[in-house]
Protein backbone atom coordinates (compact mmCIF):
# COMPACT_ATOMS: atom_id res chain seq x y z
CA UNK A 1 0.00 0.00 0.00
CA UNK A 2 1.36 3.37 -1.02
CA UNK A 3 1.35 6.31 1.43
CA UNK A 4 -0.26 9.49 0.16
CA UNK A 5 0.24 12.90 1.62
CA UNK A 6 -2.03 15.86 1.08
CA UNK A 7 -0.53 19.29 1.59
CA UNK A 8 -2.88 22.22 1.76
CA UNK A 9 -1.59 25.67 1.06
CA UNK A 10 -3.92 28.31 2.40
CA UNK A 11 -4.50 31.46 0.39
CA UNK A 12 -3.61 34.59 2.38
CA UNK A 13 -6.04 37.51 2.11
CA UNK A 14 -5.41 40.85 3.80
CA UNK A 15 -8.32 42.94 5.08
CA UNK A 16 -8.55 46.52 3.81
CA UNK A 17 -6.00 48.66 5.62
CA UNK A 18 -3.69 45.83 6.70
CA UNK A 19 -1.15 46.47 3.94
CA UNK A 20 -1.03 50.14 5.00
CA UNK A 21 -0.42 49.07 8.61
CA UNK A 22 2.49 46.89 7.45
CA UNK A 23 4.00 49.62 5.24
CA UNK A 24 4.35 51.89 8.30
CA UNK A 25 6.60 49.36 10.06
CA UNK A 26 10.38 49.13 9.86
CA UNK A 27 11.94 46.85 7.23
CA UNK A 28 13.01 44.42 9.97
CA UNK A 29 9.44 44.07 11.30
CA UNK A 30 8.03 43.75 7.77
CA UNK A 31 10.43 40.86 7.13
CA UNK A 32 9.36 39.13 10.36
CA UNK A 33 5.69 39.56 9.50
CA UNK A 34 6.30 38.20 5.99
CA UNK A 35 7.82 35.10 7.60
CA UNK A 36 4.71 34.70 9.75
CA UNK A 37 2.50 35.08 6.67
CA UNK A 38 4.45 32.32 4.95
CA UNK A 39 3.94 30.04 7.96
CA UNK A 40 0.23 30.92 8.07
CA UNK A 41 -0.22 29.66 4.52
CA UNK A 42 1.31 26.32 5.53
CA UNK A 43 -0.56 25.76 8.81
CA UNK A 44 -2.57 28.57 10.41
CA UNK A 45 -3.34 26.58 13.56
CA UNK A 46 0.19 26.04 14.88
CA UNK A 47 2.11 28.99 13.45
CA UNK A 48 4.10 31.12 15.94
CA UNK A 49 2.15 30.18 19.06
CA UNK A 50 -1.21 30.59 17.34
CA UNK A 51 -3.98 30.90 19.89
CA UNK A 52 -7.73 30.85 19.52
CA UNK A 53 -9.37 34.05 20.76
CA UNK A 54 -12.61 34.15 22.72
CA UNK A 55 -15.71 36.15 21.89
CA UNK A 56 -17.12 37.51 18.68
CA UNK A 57 -19.42 35.93 16.14
CA UNK A 58 -16.68 33.91 14.43
CA UNK A 59 -13.49 32.18 15.51
CA UNK A 60 -10.42 34.40 15.45
CA UNK A 61 -6.81 33.46 16.05
CA UNK A 62 -3.75 35.44 16.95
CA UNK A 63 -0.09 34.72 16.48
CA UNK A 64 2.75 36.77 17.82
CA UNK A 65 6.09 37.91 16.60
CA UNK A 66 7.91 39.99 19.18
CA UNK A 67 5.64 42.80 20.38
CA UNK A 68 3.45 42.52 17.28
CA UNK A 69 0.32 40.46 16.83
CA UNK A 70 -1.47 39.19 13.75
CA UNK A 71 -5.21 38.66 14.16
CA UNK A 72 -6.79 36.38 11.57
CA UNK A 73 -9.57 33.94 10.81
CA UNK A 74 -9.51 30.69 8.83
CA UNK A 75 -12.04 29.64 6.21
CA UNK A 76 -11.62 25.89 5.76
CA UNK A 77 -14.21 25.66 2.98
CA UNK A 78 -12.20 27.98 0.74
CA UNK A 79 -8.78 27.12 2.25
CA UNK A 80 -8.14 30.78 3.10
CA UNK A 81 -6.52 32.74 5.90
CA UNK A 82 -8.05 36.19 6.25
CA UNK A 83 -5.78 38.64 8.12
CA UNK A 84 -7.89 41.14 10.05
CA UNK A 85 -5.26 43.24 11.87
CA UNK A 86 -1.52 43.61 12.29
CA UNK A 87 -0.13 45.80 15.02
CA UNK A 88 1.59 46.31 18.33
CA UNK A 89 0.16 44.22 21.14
CA UNK A 90 -0.86 47.39 22.99
CA UNK A 91 -3.11 48.57 20.17
CA UNK A 92 -4.18 45.58 18.10
CA UNK A 93 -6.85 44.21 20.45
CA UNK A 94 -8.88 47.42 20.69
PDB file of N, CA and C in Angstrom:
ATOM      1  N   UNK A   1       0.845  -1.181   0.000  1.00  0.00           N
ATOM      2  CA  UNK A   1       0.000   0.000   0.000  1.00  0.00           C
ATOM      3  C   UNK A   1       0.887   1.240   0.000  1.00  0.00           C
ATOM      4  N   UNK A   2       0.565   2.170  -0.838  1.00  0.00           N
ATOM      5  CA  UNK A   2       1.362   3.372  -1.024  1.00  0.00           C
ATOM      6  C   UNK A   2       0.841   4.499  -0.131  1.00  0.00           C
ATOM      7  N   UNK A   3       1.741   5.188   0.575  1.00  0.00           N
ATOM      8  CA  UNK A   3       1.352   6.312   1.431  1.00  0.00           C
ATOM      9  C   UNK A   3       1.111   7.545   0.578  1.00  0.00           C
ATOM     10  N   UNK A   4       0.057   8.255   0.872  1.00  0.00           N
ATOM     11  CA  UNK A   4      -0.257   9.489   0.161  1.00  0.00           C
ATOM     12  C   UNK A   4      -0.337  10.627   1.161  1.00  0.00           C
ATOM     13  N   UNK A   5       0.245  11.721   0.775  1.00  0.00           N
ATOM     14  CA  UNK A   5       0.235  12.904   1.622  1.00  0.00           C
ATOM     15  C   UNK A   5      -0.498  14.016   0.902  1.00  0.00           C
ATOM     16  N   UNK A   6      -1.312  14.730   1.638  1.00  0.00           N
ATOM     17  CA  UNK A   6      -2.030  15.862   1.085  1.00  0.00           C
ATOM     18  C   UNK A   6      -1.535  17.115   1.804  1.00  0.00           C
ATOM     19  N   UNK A   7      -1.013  18.040   1.027  1.00  0.00           N
ATOM     20  CA  UNK A   7      -0.528  19.293   1.589  1.00  0.00           C
ATOM     21  C   UNK A   7      -1.441  20.412   1.128  1.00  0.00           C
ATOM     22  N   UNK A   8      -2.037  21.090   2.079  1.00  0.00           N
ATOM     23  CA  UNK A   8      -2.882  22.223   1.755  1.00  0.00           C
ATOM     24  C   UNK A   8      -2.064  23.493   1.899  1.00  0.00           C
ATOM     25  N   UNK A   9      -2.198  24.362   0.956  1.00  0.00           N
ATOM     26  CA  UNK A   9      -1.588  25.671   1.055  1.00  0.00           C
ATOM     27  C   UNK A   9      -2.736  26.674   1.091  1.00  0.00           C
ATOM     28  N   UNK A  10      -2.836  27.354   2.212  1.00  0.00           N
ATOM     29  CA  UNK A  10      -3.917  28.314   2.397  1.00  0.00           C
ATOM     30  C   UNK A  10      -3.603  29.596   1.635  1.00  0.00           C
ATOM     31  N   UNK A  11      -4.633  30.181   1.075  1.00  0.00           N
ATOM     32  CA  UNK A  11      -4.495  31.458   0.392  1.00  0.00           C
ATOM     33  C   UNK A  11      -4.583  32.554   1.446  1.00  0.00           C
ATOM     34  N   UNK A  12      -3.658  33.498   1.412  1.00  0.00           N
ATOM     35  CA  UNK A  12      -3.613  34.585   2.383  1.00  0.00           C
ATOM     36  C   UNK A  12      -4.312  35.807   1.803  1.00  0.00           C
ATOM     37  N   UNK A  13      -5.295  36.319   2.535  1.00  0.00           N
ATOM     38  CA  UNK A  13      -6.041  37.505   2.112  1.00  0.00           C
ATOM     39  C   UNK A  13      -5.920  38.546   3.219  1.00  0.00           C
ATOM     40  N   UNK A  14      -5.552  39.766   2.836  1.00  0.00           N
ATOM     41  CA  UNK A  14      -5.413  40.852   3.802  1.00  0.00           C
ATOM     42  C   UNK A  14      -6.663  41.714   3.783  1.00  0.00           C
ATOM     43  N   UNK A  15      -7.163  42.044   4.954  1.00  0.00           N
ATOM     44  CA  UNK A  15      -8.318  42.943   5.080  1.00  0.00           C
ATOM     45  C   UNK A  15      -7.902  44.336   4.614  1.00  0.00           C
ATOM     46  N   UNK A  16      -8.871  45.148   4.202  1.00  0.00           N
ATOM     47  CA  UNK A  16      -8.545  46.518   3.805  1.00  0.00           C
ATOM     48  C   UNK A  16      -7.837  47.257   4.945  1.00  0.00           C
ATOM     49  N   UNK A  17      -6.757  47.910   4.629  1.00  0.00           N
ATOM     50  CA  UNK A  17      -5.999  48.660   5.622  1.00  0.00           C
ATOM     51  C   UNK A  17      -4.825  47.912   6.218  1.00  0.00           C
ATOM     52  N   UNK A  18      -4.781  46.600   6.092  1.00  0.00           N
ATOM     53  CA  UNK A  18      -3.686  45.830   6.695  1.00  0.00           C
ATOM     54  C   UNK A  18      -2.376  46.115   5.981  1.00  0.00           C
ATOM     55  N   UNK A  19      -2.393  46.200   4.665  1.00  0.00           N
ATOM     56  CA  UNK A  19      -1.146  46.469   3.944  1.00  0.00           C
ATOM     57  C   UNK A  19      -0.598  47.849   4.305  1.00  0.00           C
ATOM     58  N   UNK A  20      -1.482  48.824   4.572  1.00  0.00           N
ATOM     59  CA  UNK A  20      -1.031  50.143   5.004  1.00  0.00           C
ATOM     60  C   UNK A  20      -0.412  50.079   6.399  1.00  0.00           C
ATOM     61  N   UNK A  21      -0.988  49.244   7.278  1.00  0.00           N
ATOM     62  CA  UNK A  21      -0.425  49.066   8.613  1.00  0.00           C
ATOM     63  C   UNK A  21       0.989  48.492   8.511  1.00  0.00           C
ATOM     64  N   UNK A  22       1.185  47.551   7.602  1.00  0.00           N
ATOM     65  CA  UNK A  22       2.487  46.894   7.451  1.00  0.00           C
ATOM     66  C   UNK A  22       3.502  47.855   6.844  1.00  0.00           C
ATOM     67  N   UNK A  23       3.080  48.683   5.894  1.00  0.00           N
ATOM     68  CA  UNK A  23       4.003  49.623   5.242  1.00  0.00           C
ATOM     69  C   UNK A  23       4.585  50.628   6.221  1.00  0.00           C
ATOM     70  N   UNK A  24       3.879  50.923   7.300  1.00  0.00           N
ATOM     71  CA  UNK A  24       4.347  51.886   8.296  1.00  0.00           C
ATOM     72  C   UNK A  24       5.442  51.316   9.195  1.00  0.00           C
ATOM     73  N   UNK A  25       5.630  50.014   9.172  1.00  0.00           N
ATOM     74  CA  UNK A  25       6.600  49.363  10.056  1.00  0.00           C
ATOM     75  C   UNK A  25       7.996  49.422   9.468  1.00  0.00           C
ATOM     76  N   UNK A  26       8.985  49.158  10.315  1.00  0.00           N
ATOM     77  CA  UNK A  26      10.377  49.133   9.863  1.00  0.00           C
ATOM     78  C   UNK A  26      10.610  47.932   8.952  1.00  0.00           C
ATOM     79  N   UNK A  27      11.650  47.987   8.112  1.00  0.00           N
ATOM     80  CA  UNK A  27      11.941  46.845   7.228  1.00  0.00           C
ATOM     81  C   UNK A  27      12.168  45.537   7.996  1.00  0.00           C
ATOM     82  N   UNK A  28      12.777  45.622   9.153  1.00  0.00           N
ATOM     83  CA  UNK A  28      13.006  44.423   9.971  1.00  0.00           C
ATOM     84  C   UNK A  28      11.690  43.786  10.389  1.00  0.00           C
ATOM     85  N   UNK A  29      10.744  44.596  10.875  1.00  0.00           N
ATOM     86  CA  UNK A  29       9.440  44.074  11.298  1.00  0.00           C
ATOM     87  C   UNK A  29       8.646  43.543  10.112  1.00  0.00           C
ATOM     88  N   UNK A  30       8.724  44.227   8.973  1.00  0.00           N
ATOM     89  CA  UNK A  30       8.030  43.745   7.775  1.00  0.00           C
ATOM     90  C   UNK A  30       8.535  42.370   7.369  1.00  0.00           C
ATOM     91  N   UNK A  31       9.849  42.168   7.472  1.00  0.00           N
ATOM     92  CA  UNK A  31      10.425  40.863   7.133  1.00  0.00           C
ATOM     93  C   UNK A  31       9.917  39.785   8.093  1.00  0.00           C
ATOM     94  N   UNK A  32       9.876  40.098   9.382  1.00  0.00           N
ATOM     95  CA  UNK A  32       9.365  39.133  10.361  1.00  0.00           C
ATOM     96  C   UNK A  32       7.906  38.803  10.111  1.00  0.00           C
ATOM     97  N   UNK A  33       7.101  39.797   9.762  1.00  0.00           N
ATOM     98  CA  UNK A  33       5.686  39.563   9.495  1.00  0.00           C
ATOM     99  C   UNK A  33       5.514  38.760   8.215  1.00  0.00           C
ATOM    100  N   UNK A  34       6.345  39.012   7.211  1.00  0.00           N
ATOM    101  CA  UNK A  34       6.300  38.201   5.990  1.00  0.00           C
ATOM    102  C   UNK A  34       6.597  36.734   6.286  1.00  0.00           C
ATOM    103  N   UNK A  35       7.521  36.479   7.203  1.00  0.00           N
ATOM    104  CA  UNK A  35       7.824  35.100   7.602  1.00  0.00           C
ATOM    105  C   UNK A  35       6.610  34.451   8.272  1.00  0.00           C
ATOM    106  N   UNK A  36       5.924  35.218   9.097  1.00  0.00           N
ATOM    107  CA  UNK A  36       4.713  34.698   9.751  1.00  0.00           C
ATOM    108  C   UNK A  36       3.643  34.406   8.707  1.00  0.00           C
ATOM    109  N   UNK A  37       3.478  35.300   7.737  1.00  0.00           N
ATOM    110  CA  UNK A  37       2.500  35.082   6.674  1.00  0.00           C
ATOM    111  C   UNK A  37       2.799  33.798   5.910  1.00  0.00           C
ATOM    112  N   UNK A  38       4.060  33.543   5.643  1.00  0.00           N
ATOM    113  CA  UNK A  38       4.450  32.318   4.951  1.00  0.00           C
ATOM    114  C   UNK A  38       4.080  31.089   5.773  1.00  0.00           C
ATOM    115  N   UNK A  39       4.313  31.149   7.076  1.00  0.00           N
ATOM    116  CA  UNK A  39       3.937  30.044   7.960  1.00  0.00           C
ATOM    117  C   UNK A  39       2.417  29.874   8.039  1.00  0.00           C
ATOM    118  N   UNK A  40       1.696  30.990   8.023  1.00  0.00           N
ATOM    119  CA  UNK A  40       0.233  30.918   8.075  1.00  0.00           C
ATOM    120  C   UNK A  40      -0.333  30.184   6.866  1.00  0.00           C
ATOM    121  N   UNK A  41       0.279  30.344   5.707  1.00  0.00           N
ATOM    122  CA  UNK A  41      -0.216  29.656   4.520  1.00  0.00           C
ATOM    123  C   UNK A  41       0.030  28.157   4.601  1.00  0.00           C
ATOM    124  N   UNK A  42       1.030  27.750   5.375  1.00  0.00           N
ATOM    125  CA  UNK A  42       1.313  26.319   5.530  1.00  0.00           C
ATOM    126  C   UNK A  42       0.396  25.687   6.576  1.00  0.00           C
ATOM    127  N   UNK A  43       0.298  26.301   7.751  1.00  0.00           N
ATOM    128  CA  UNK A  43      -0.563  25.765   8.806  1.00  0.00           C
ATOM    129  C   UNK A  43      -0.966  26.893   9.753  1.00  0.00           C
ATOM    130  N   UNK A  44      -2.153  27.438   9.589  1.00  0.00           N
ATOM    131  CA  UNK A  44      -2.567  28.572  10.409  1.00  0.00           C
ATOM    132  C   UNK A  44      -2.888  28.227  11.861  1.00  0.00           C
ATOM    133  N   UNK A  45      -2.956  26.959  12.199  1.00  0.00           N
ATOM    134  CA  UNK A  45      -3.339  26.578  13.555  1.00  0.00           C
ATOM    135  C   UNK A  45      -2.160  26.413  14.504  1.00  0.00           C
ATOM    136  N   UNK A  46      -0.960  26.243  14.006  1.00  0.00           N
ATOM    137  CA  UNK A  46       0.189  26.044  14.880  1.00  0.00           C
ATOM    138  C   UNK A  46       1.302  27.066  14.662  1.00  0.00           C
ATOM    139  N   UNK A  47       1.092  28.009  13.813  1.00  0.00           N
ATOM    140  CA  UNK A  47       2.113  28.990  13.450  1.00  0.00           C
ATOM    141  C   UNK A  47       2.392  29.962  14.593  1.00  0.00           C
ATOM    142  N   UNK A  48       3.651  30.103  14.972  1.00  0.00           N
ATOM    143  CA  UNK A  48       4.100  31.117  15.938  1.00  0.00           C
ATOM    144  C   UNK A  48       3.177  31.247  17.152  1.00  0.00           C
ATOM    145  N   UNK A  49       2.997  30.176  17.861  1.00  0.00           N
ATOM    146  CA  UNK A  49       2.150  30.177  19.062  1.00  0.00           C
ATOM    147  C   UNK A  49       0.730  30.646  18.777  1.00  0.00           C
ATOM    148  N   UNK A  50       0.157  30.189  17.692  1.00  0.00           N
ATOM    149  CA  UNK A  50      -1.208  30.586  17.341  1.00  0.00           C
ATOM    150  C   UNK A  50      -2.156  30.204  18.467  1.00  0.00           C
ATOM    151  N   UNK A  51      -3.017  31.124  18.812  1.00  0.00           N
ATOM    152  CA  UNK A  51      -3.980  30.901  19.891  1.00  0.00           C
ATOM    153  C   UNK A  51      -5.359  31.299  19.409  1.00  0.00           C
ATOM    154  N   UNK A  52      -6.342  30.533  19.818  1.00  0.00           N
ATOM    155  CA  UNK A  52      -7.730  30.852  19.522  1.00  0.00           C
ATOM    156  C   UNK A  52      -8.191  31.946  20.474  1.00  0.00           C
ATOM    157  N   UNK A  53      -8.897  32.937  19.945  1.00  0.00           N
ATOM    158  CA  UNK A  53      -9.372  34.046  20.758  1.00  0.00           C
ATOM    159  C   UNK A  53     -10.834  33.838  21.109  1.00  0.00           C
ATOM    160  N   UNK A  54     -11.225  34.292  22.271  1.00  0.00           N
ATOM    161  CA  UNK A  54     -12.609  34.148  22.717  1.00  0.00           C
ATOM    162  C   UNK A  54     -13.457  35.322  22.248  1.00  0.00           C
ATOM    163  N   UNK A  55     -14.769  35.083  22.201  1.00  0.00           N
ATOM    164  CA  UNK A  55     -15.710  36.149  21.892  1.00  0.00           C
ATOM    165  C   UNK A  55     -15.892  36.363  20.399  1.00  0.00           C
ATOM    166  N   UNK A  56     -16.855  37.193  20.075  1.00  0.00           N
ATOM    167  CA  UNK A  56     -17.125  37.507  18.683  1.00  0.00           C
ATOM    168  C   UNK A  56     -18.040  36.487  18.036  1.00  0.00           C
ATOM    169  N   UNK A  57     -18.474  36.797  16.833  1.00  0.00           N
ATOM    170  CA  UNK A  57     -19.418  35.928  16.141  1.00  0.00           C
ATOM    171  C   UNK A  57     -18.727  34.839  15.333  1.00  0.00           C
ATOM    172  N   UNK A  58     -17.410  34.941  15.144  1.00  0.00           N
ATOM    173  CA  UNK A  58     -16.679  33.908  14.432  1.00  0.00           C
ATOM    174  C   UNK A  58     -15.344  33.681  15.121  1.00  0.00           C
ATOM    175  N   UNK A  59     -14.728  32.556  14.846  1.00  0.00           N
ATOM    176  CA  UNK A  59     -13.485  32.185  15.514  1.00  0.00           C
ATOM    177  C   UNK A  59     -12.319  32.983  14.946  1.00  0.00           C
ATOM    178  N   UNK A  60     -11.610  33.653  15.844  1.00  0.00           N
ATOM    179  CA  UNK A  60     -10.423  34.403  15.452  1.00  0.00           C
ATOM    180  C   UNK A  60      -9.222  33.777  16.137  1.00  0.00           C
ATOM    181  N   UNK A  61      -8.071  33.943  15.506  1.00  0.00           N
ATOM    182  CA  UNK A  61      -6.812  33.461  16.046  1.00  0.00           C
ATOM    183  C   UNK A  61      -5.839  34.624  16.099  1.00  0.00           C
ATOM    184  N   UNK A  62      -4.820  34.462  16.923  1.00  0.00           N
ATOM    185  CA  UNK A  62      -3.751  35.443  16.946  1.00  0.00           C
ATOM    186  C   UNK A  62      -2.430  34.697  17.008  1.00  0.00           C
ATOM    187  N   UNK A  63      -1.446  35.238  16.326  1.00  0.00           N
ATOM    188  CA  UNK A  63      -0.089  34.724  16.484  1.00  0.00           C
ATOM    189  C   UNK A  63       0.806  35.921  16.741  1.00  0.00           C
ATOM    190  N   UNK A  64       1.903  35.669  17.399  1.00  0.00           N
ATOM    191  CA  UNK A  64       2.748  36.770  17.822  1.00  0.00           C
ATOM    192  C   UNK A  64       4.147  36.657  17.244  1.00  0.00           C
ATOM    193  N   UNK A  65       4.705  37.798  16.994  1.00  0.00           N
ATOM    194  CA  UNK A  65       6.093  37.909  16.602  1.00  0.00           C
ATOM    195  C   UNK A  65       6.650  39.136  17.316  1.00  0.00           C
ATOM    196  N   UNK A  66       7.414  38.905  18.350  1.00  0.00           N
ATOM    197  CA  UNK A  66       7.910  39.994  19.181  1.00  0.00           C
ATOM    198  C   UNK A  66       6.758  40.688  19.873  1.00  0.00           C
ATOM    199  N   UNK A  67       6.719  42.013  19.777  1.00  0.00           N
ATOM    200  CA  UNK A  67       5.636  42.797  20.381  1.00  0.00           C
ATOM    201  C   UNK A  67       4.459  42.981  19.437  1.00  0.00           C
ATOM    202  N   UNK A  68       4.510  42.360  18.282  1.00  0.00           N
ATOM    203  CA  UNK A  68       3.447  42.523  17.285  1.00  0.00           C
ATOM    204  C   UNK A  68       2.564  41.291  17.219  1.00  0.00           C
ATOM    205  N   UNK A  69       1.295  41.538  16.919  1.00  0.00           N
ATOM    206  CA  UNK A  69       0.318  40.463  16.828  1.00  0.00           C
ATOM    207  C   UNK A  69      -0.360  40.509  15.468  1.00  0.00           C
ATOM    208  N   UNK A  70      -0.723  39.327  14.986  1.00  0.00           N
ATOM    209  CA  UNK A  70      -1.470  39.185  13.747  1.00  0.00           C
ATOM    210  C   UNK A  70      -2.778  38.502  14.113  1.00  0.00           C
ATOM    211  N   UNK A  71      -3.884  39.180  13.868  1.00  0.00           N
ATOM    212  CA  UNK A  71      -5.215  38.658  14.164  1.00  0.00           C
ATOM    213  C   UNK A  71      -5.802  38.170  12.843  1.00  0.00           C
ATOM    214  N   UNK A  72      -6.296  36.938  12.825  1.00  0.00           N
ATOM    215  CA  UNK A  72      -6.794  36.376  11.572  1.00  0.00           C
ATOM    216  C   UNK A  72      -7.891  35.362  11.835  1.00  0.00           C
ATOM    217  N   UNK A  73      -8.569  34.984  10.771  1.00  0.00           N
ATOM    218  CA  UNK A  73      -9.567  33.936  10.812  1.00  0.00           C
ATOM    219  C   UNK A  73      -9.277  32.961   9.682  1.00  0.00           C
ATOM    220  N   UNK A  74      -9.778  31.734   9.818  1.00  0.00           N
ATOM    221  CA  UNK A  74      -9.507  30.695   8.832  1.00  0.00           C
ATOM    222  C   UNK A  74     -10.832  30.229   8.235  1.00  0.00           C
ATOM    223  N   UNK A  75     -10.886  30.170   6.914  1.00  0.00           N
ATOM    224  CA  UNK A  75     -12.044  29.644   6.210  1.00  0.00           C
ATOM    225  C   UNK A  75     -11.628  28.312   5.590  1.00  0.00           C
ATOM    226  N   UNK A  76     -12.009  27.220   6.226  1.00  0.00           N
ATOM    227  CA  UNK A  76     -11.619  25.887   5.757  1.00  0.00           C
ATOM    228  C   UNK A  76     -12.286  25.512   4.439  1.00  0.00           C
ATOM    229  N   UNK A  77     -13.507  25.995   4.213  1.00  0.00           N
ATOM    230  CA  UNK A  77     -14.214  25.662   2.978  1.00  0.00           C
ATOM    231  C   UNK A  77     -13.476  26.180   1.749  1.00  0.00           C
ATOM    232  N   UNK A  78     -12.913  27.360   1.868  1.00  0.00           N
ATOM    233  CA  UNK A  78     -12.205  27.976   0.744  1.00  0.00           C
ATOM    234  C   UNK A  78     -10.688  27.876   0.879  1.00  0.00           C
ATOM    235  N   UNK A  79     -10.214  27.268   1.947  1.00  0.00           N
ATOM    236  CA  UNK A  79      -8.780  27.123   2.248  1.00  0.00           C
ATOM    237  C   UNK A  79      -8.115  28.503   2.197  1.00  0.00           C
ATOM    238  N   UNK A  80      -8.626  29.408   3.050  1.00  0.00           N
ATOM    239  CA  UNK A  80      -8.139  30.777   3.100  1.00  0.00           C
ATOM    240  C   UNK A  80      -7.833  31.200   4.531  1.00  0.00           C
ATOM    241  N   UNK A  81      -6.823  32.047   4.654  1.00  0.00           N
ATOM    242  CA  UNK A  81      -6.519  32.736   5.900  1.00  0.00           C
ATOM    243  C   UNK A  81      -6.774  34.208   5.634  1.00  0.00           C
ATOM    244  N   UNK A  82      -7.668  34.806   6.425  1.00  0.00           N
ATOM    245  CA  UNK A  82      -8.048  36.195   6.249  1.00  0.00           C
ATOM    246  C   UNK A  82      -7.453  37.003   7.399  1.00  0.00           C
ATOM    247  N   UNK A  83      -6.465  37.842   7.096  1.00  0.00           N
ATOM    248  CA  UNK A  83      -5.782  38.636   8.116  1.00  0.00           C
ATOM    249  C   UNK A  83      -6.613  39.881   8.392  1.00  0.00           C
ATOM    250  N   UNK A  84      -7.031  40.030   9.651  1.00  0.00           N
ATOM    251  CA  UNK A  84      -7.889  41.141  10.047  1.00  0.00           C
ATOM    252  C   UNK A  84      -7.102  42.363  10.506  1.00  0.00           C
ATOM    253  N   UNK A  85      -6.056  42.140  11.308  1.00  0.00           N
ATOM    254  CA  UNK A  85      -5.260  43.239  11.869  1.00  0.00           C
ATOM    255  C   UNK A  85      -3.822  42.806  12.045  1.00  0.00           C
ATOM    256  N   UNK A  86      -2.931  43.780  11.945  1.00  0.00           N
ATOM    257  CA  UNK A  86      -1.519  43.605  12.286  1.00  0.00           C
ATOM    258  C   UNK A  86      -1.134  44.835  13.070  1.00  0.00           C
ATOM    259  N   UNK A  87      -0.537  44.645  14.245  1.00  0.00           N
ATOM    260  CA  UNK A  87      -0.134  45.802  15.024  1.00  0.00           C
ATOM    261  C   UNK A  87       0.541  45.443  16.316  1.00  0.00           C
ATOM    262  N   UNK A  88       0.964  46.478  17.029  1.00  0.00           N
ATOM    263  CA  UNK A  88       1.592  46.312  18.332  1.00  0.00           C
ATOM    264  C   UNK A  88       0.580  45.719  19.294  1.00  0.00           C
ATOM    265  N   UNK A  89       1.061  44.910  20.208  1.00  0.00           N
ATOM    266  CA  UNK A  89       0.165  44.215  21.140  1.00  0.00           C
ATOM    267  C   UNK A  89      -0.637  45.181  21.990  1.00  0.00           C
ATOM    268  N   UNK A  90      -0.141  46.395  22.198  1.00  0.00           N
ATOM    269  CA  UNK A  90      -0.862  47.386  22.994  1.00  0.00           C
ATOM    270  C   UNK A  90      -2.100  47.893  22.274  1.00  0.00           C
ATOM    271  N   UNK A  91      -2.055  47.923  20.933  1.00  0.00           N
ATOM    272  CA  UNK A  91      -3.108  48.571  20.172  1.00  0.00           C
ATOM    273  C   UNK A  91      -3.993  47.617  19.381  1.00  0.00           C
ATOM    274  N   UNK A  92      -3.510  46.439  19.083  1.00  0.00           N
ATOM    275  CA  UNK A  92      -4.181  45.577  18.104  1.00  0.00           C
ATOM    276  C   UNK A  92      -5.496  44.989  18.617  1.00  0.00           C
ATOM    277  N   UNK A  93      -5.657  44.848  19.910  1.00  0.00           N
ATOM    278  CA  UNK A  93      -6.851  44.207  20.446  1.00  0.00           C
ATOM    279  C   UNK A  93      -8.023  45.168  20.620  1.00  0.00           C
ATOM    280  N   UNK A  94      -7.792  46.450  20.490  1.00  0.00           N
ATOM    281  CA  UNK A  94      -8.876  47.423  20.693  1.00  0.00           C
ATOM    282  C   UNK A  94      -9.702  47.621  19.441  1.00  0.00           C
TER     283      UNK A  94
END
